[in-house]
Amino acid sequence: MQETAAALSEPSTLLLVGISLGGIALGKILTLGYRAQD
């Protein structure tokens, strides 16, 4: 059971990191887009 939990935790962590980086990237793109309109 422990091995399975460890195997499942790694992809979840990578997914969370990917979502976090994606959110930051989207935020920067949106802010740059709004600034460009001004």
N, C-alpha and C. Protein backbone atom coordinates (compact mmCIF):
# COMPACT_ATOMS: atom_id res chain seq x y z
N MET A 1 0.84 -1.21 0.00
CA MET A 1 0.00 0.00 0.00
C MET A 1 0.87 1.26 0.00
N GLN A 2 1.95 1.22 0.75
CA GLN A 2 2.80 2.41 0.83
C GLN A 2 3.43 2.73 -0.53
N GLU A 3 3.86 1.68 -1.23
CA GLU A 3 4.47 1.91 -2.54
C GLU A 3 3.46 2.54 -3.51
N THR A 4 2.22 2.06 -3.44
CA THR A 4 1.18 2.60 -4.31
C THR A 4 0.91 4.07 -3.99
N ALA A 5 0.87 4.39 -2.71
CA ALA A 5 0.62 5.77 -2.29
C ALA A 5 1.75 6.67 -2.77
N ALA A 6 2.98 6.21 -2.66
CA ALA A 6 4.13 7.00 -3.11
C ALA A 6 4.06 7.23 -4.62
N ALA A 7 3.67 6.19 -5.36
CA ALA A 7 3.58 6.29 -6.81
C ALA A 7 2.48 7.28 -7.22
N LEU A 8 1.41 7.32 -6.44
CA LEU A 8 0.30 8.23 -6.76
C LEU A 8 0.61 9.66 -6.35
N SER A 9 1.42 9.83 -5.30
CA SER A 9 1.69 11.18 -4.80
C SER A 9 2.57 11.96 -5.76
N GLU A 10 3.49 11.29 -6.44
CA GLU A 10 4.40 12.01 -7.33
C GLU A 10 3.68 12.69 -8.50
N PRO A 11 2.84 11.96 -9.27
CA PRO A 11 2.11 12.61 -10.36
C PRO A 11 1.21 13.74 -9.85
N SER A 12 0.62 13.55 -8.67
CA SER A 12 -0.25 14.59 -8.12
C SER A 12 0.55 15.85 -7.85
N THR A 13 1.75 15.67 -7.30
CA THR A 13 2.60 16.83 -7.01
C THR A 13 2.99 17.53 -8.31
N LEU A 14 3.38 16.74 -9.31
CA LEU A 14 3.75 17.32 -10.60
C LEU A 14 2.56 18.06 -11.20
N LEU A 15 1.37 17.49 -11.05
CA LEU A 15 0.17 18.13 -11.59
C LEU A 15 -0.09 19.46 -10.90
N LEU A 16 0.04 19.47 -9.56
CA LEU A 16 -0.18 20.71 -8.81
C LEU A 16 0.84 21.76 -9.23
N VAL A 17 2.09 21.36 -9.38
CA VAL A 17 3.14 22.30 -9.79
C VAL A 17 2.83 22.83 -11.20
N GLY A 18 2.40 21.94 -12.07
CA GLY A 18 2.08 22.35 -13.43
C GLY A 18 0.93 23.34 -13.46
N ILE A 19 -0.09 23.08 -12.64
CA ILE A 19 -1.24 23.99 -12.57
C ILE A 19 -0.80 25.34 -12.02
N SER A 20 0.05 25.31 -11.01
CA SER A 20 0.53 26.56 -10.40
C SER A 20 1.30 27.38 -11.43
N LEU A 21 2.24 26.74 -12.12
CA LEU A 21 3.03 27.45 -13.13
C LEU A 21 2.12 27.93 -14.26
N GLY A 22 1.16 27.11 -14.66
CA GLY A 22 0.24 27.49 -15.73
C GLY A 22 -0.59 28.70 -15.32
N GLY A 23 -1.03 28.71 -14.06
CA GLY A 23 -1.82 29.84 -13.57
C GLY A 23 -1.00 31.12 -13.56
N ILE A 24 0.25 31.02 -13.13
CA ILE A 24 1.13 32.20 -13.11
C ILE A 24 1.36 32.70 -14.53
N ALA A 25 1.60 31.77 -15.45
CA ALA A 25 1.84 32.14 -16.84
C ALA A 25 0.60 32.83 -17.42
N LEU A 26 -0.58 32.27 -17.16
CA LEU A 26 -1.82 32.87 -17.66
C LEU A 26 -2.02 34.26 -17.06
N GLY A 27 -1.72 34.40 -15.78
CA GLY A 27 -1.86 35.70 -15.12
C GLY A 27 -0.97 36.74 -15.78
N LYS A 28 0.27 36.36 -16.07
CA LYS A 28 1.20 37.31 -16.70
C LYS A 28 0.71 37.68 -18.09
N ILE A 29 0.24 36.67 -18.84
CA ILE A 29 -0.24 36.92 -20.20
C ILE A 29 -1.46 37.85 -20.17
N LEU A 30 -2.36 37.61 -19.21
CA LEU A 30 -3.56 38.44 -19.12
C LEU A 30 -3.19 39.86 -18.74
N THR A 31 -2.30 40.03 -17.76
CA THR A 31 -1.91 41.38 -17.33
C THR A 31 -1.22 42.11 -18.47
N LEU A 32 -0.37 41.40 -19.22
CA LEU A 32 0.31 42.03 -20.35
C LEU A 32 -0.71 42.42 -21.41
N GLY A 33 -1.73 41.57 -21.61
CA GLY A 33 -2.76 41.87 -22.60
C GLY A 33 -3.54 43.12 -22.22
N TYR A 34 -3.89 43.23 -20.92
CA TYR A 34 -4.62 44.41 -20.46
C TYR A 34 -3.76 45.65 -20.59
N ARG A 35 -2.47 45.54 -20.27
CA ARG A 35 -1.57 46.69 -20.38
C ARG A 35 -1.43 47.12 -21.83
N ALA A 36 -1.39 46.14 -22.74
CA ALA A 36 -1.24 46.45 -24.15
C ALA A 36 -2.47 47.22 -24.66
N GLN A 37 -3.65 46.87 -24.13
CA GLN A 37 -4.87 47.56 -24.54
C GLN A 37 -4.86 49.02 -24.07
N ASP A 38 -4.28 49.25 -22.90
CA ASP A 38 -4.21 50.63 -22.38
C ASP A 38 -3.16 51.39 -23.19
